[in-house]
Amino acid sequence: MPVAKEQIRRIIADNNLNSVADVYSLLKDSFKDILQELMEAELDASLGYEKNQKENVQTSNKRNGHSLSLMNSTCIENDGFTTT
């Protein structure tokens, strides 16, 4: 999905990006948020219901709390993702 130049300019202005380090930090944070959403969507699909859905859940496989998962990558170093 290509991003328009106007959107890029808005991102730069909104996040006060002035250096490569600023861009890297924004990409790192964005990657973490996107990966978190993907993991939650995968869990929703796997379990067959959304997080906090209480009614009409017909499964014994349920969410049972939070745990911290550590991941190493070239984009994220020792940042934890909370999985539910």
Protein backbone atom coordinates (compact mmCIF):
# COMPACT_ATOMS: atom_id res chain seq x y z
CA MET A 1 0.00 0.00 0.00
CA PRO A 2 1.87 3.10 -1.19
CA VAL A 3 1.82 6.21 0.95
CA ALA A 4 1.25 9.60 -0.68
CA LYS A 5 3.89 12.31 -0.30
CA GLU A 6 1.38 14.47 1.56
CA GLN A 7 0.89 11.70 4.13
CA ILE A 8 4.66 11.39 4.56
CA ARG A 9 4.98 15.15 5.04
CA ARG A 10 2.20 15.05 7.65
CA ILE A 11 3.94 12.20 9.51
CA ILE A 12 7.22 14.16 9.50
CA ALA A 13 5.52 17.31 10.81
CA ASP A 14 3.34 15.53 13.38
CA ASN A 15 6.29 13.59 14.83
CA ASN A 16 8.86 16.40 14.61
CA LEU A 17 11.30 14.23 12.64
CA ASN A 18 14.63 16.01 12.26
CA SER A 19 17.18 13.22 12.00
CA VAL A 20 17.69 9.64 10.94
CA ALA A 21 17.56 8.66 14.62
CA ASP A 22 14.08 10.24 14.89
CA VAL A 23 12.92 8.28 11.85
CA TYR A 24 14.39 5.05 13.20
CA SER A 25 12.68 5.58 16.55
CA LEU A 26 9.32 6.20 14.87
CA LEU A 27 9.71 3.10 12.66
CA LYS A 28 10.71 0.98 15.66
CA ASP A 29 7.68 2.12 17.68
CA SER A 30 5.36 1.69 14.69
CA PHE A 31 6.69 -1.79 13.97
CA LYS A 32 6.10 -2.79 17.58
CA ASP A 33 2.50 -1.51 17.49
CA ILE A 34 1.76 -3.19 14.15
CA LEU A 35 3.23 -6.50 15.31
CA GLN A 36 1.20 -6.33 18.53
CA GLU A 37 -2.02 -5.80 16.54
CA LEU A 38 -1.15 -8.68 14.20
CA MET A 39 -0.50 -11.00 17.14
CA GLU A 40 -3.81 -10.05 18.76
CA ALA A 41 -5.69 -10.55 15.47
CA GLU A 42 -4.06 -13.96 15.05
CA LEU A 43 -5.13 -14.94 18.57
CA ASP A 44 -8.69 -13.73 17.91
CA ALA A 45 -8.83 -15.85 14.75
CA SER A 46 -7.29 -18.87 16.47
CA LEU A 47 -9.65 -18.78 19.45
CA GLY A 48 -12.70 -17.80 17.43
CA TYR A 49 -13.65 -14.77 19.51
CA GLU A 50 -12.38 -11.26 20.24
CA LYS A 51 -10.64 -10.11 23.39
CA ASN A 52 -13.08 -9.26 26.22
CA GLN A 53 -15.99 -10.93 24.42
CA LYS A 54 -17.97 -12.58 27.20
CA GLU A 55 -21.18 -13.76 25.59
CA ASN A 56 -21.58 -16.86 23.40
CA VAL A 57 -18.03 -18.16 23.78
CA GLN A 58 -18.30 -21.91 23.12
CA THR A 59 -14.72 -23.03 23.68
CA SER A 60 -12.55 -24.34 26.47
CA ASN A 61 -9.56 -22.55 24.94
CA LYS A 62 -9.65 -19.14 26.61
CA ARG A 63 -7.40 -16.21 27.25
CA ASN A 64 -6.02 -16.48 30.73
CA GLY A 65 -3.89 -13.45 31.48
CA HIS A 66 -0.82 -11.62 30.27
CA SER A 67 2.75 -12.67 29.75
CA LEU A 68 5.80 -10.84 28.50
CA SER A 69 7.42 -12.26 25.37
CA LEU A 70 10.91 -11.10 24.51
CA MET A 71 11.89 -10.91 20.87
CA ASN A 72 15.18 -10.14 19.18
CA SER A 73 15.25 -8.66 15.71
CA THR A 74 17.18 -6.14 13.72
CA CYS A 75 14.41 -3.58 14.32
CA ILE A 76 13.62 -4.22 17.96
CA GLU A 77 16.14 -5.02 20.63
CA ASN A 78 14.87 -6.60 23.86
CA ASP A 79 11.49 -4.86 23.76
CA GLY A 80 8.70 -6.86 25.31
CA PHE A 81 5.37 -7.55 23.70
CA THR A 82 2.49 -8.21 26.03
CA THR A 83 0.45 -11.12 24.77
CA THR A 84 -3.02 -11.88 26.01
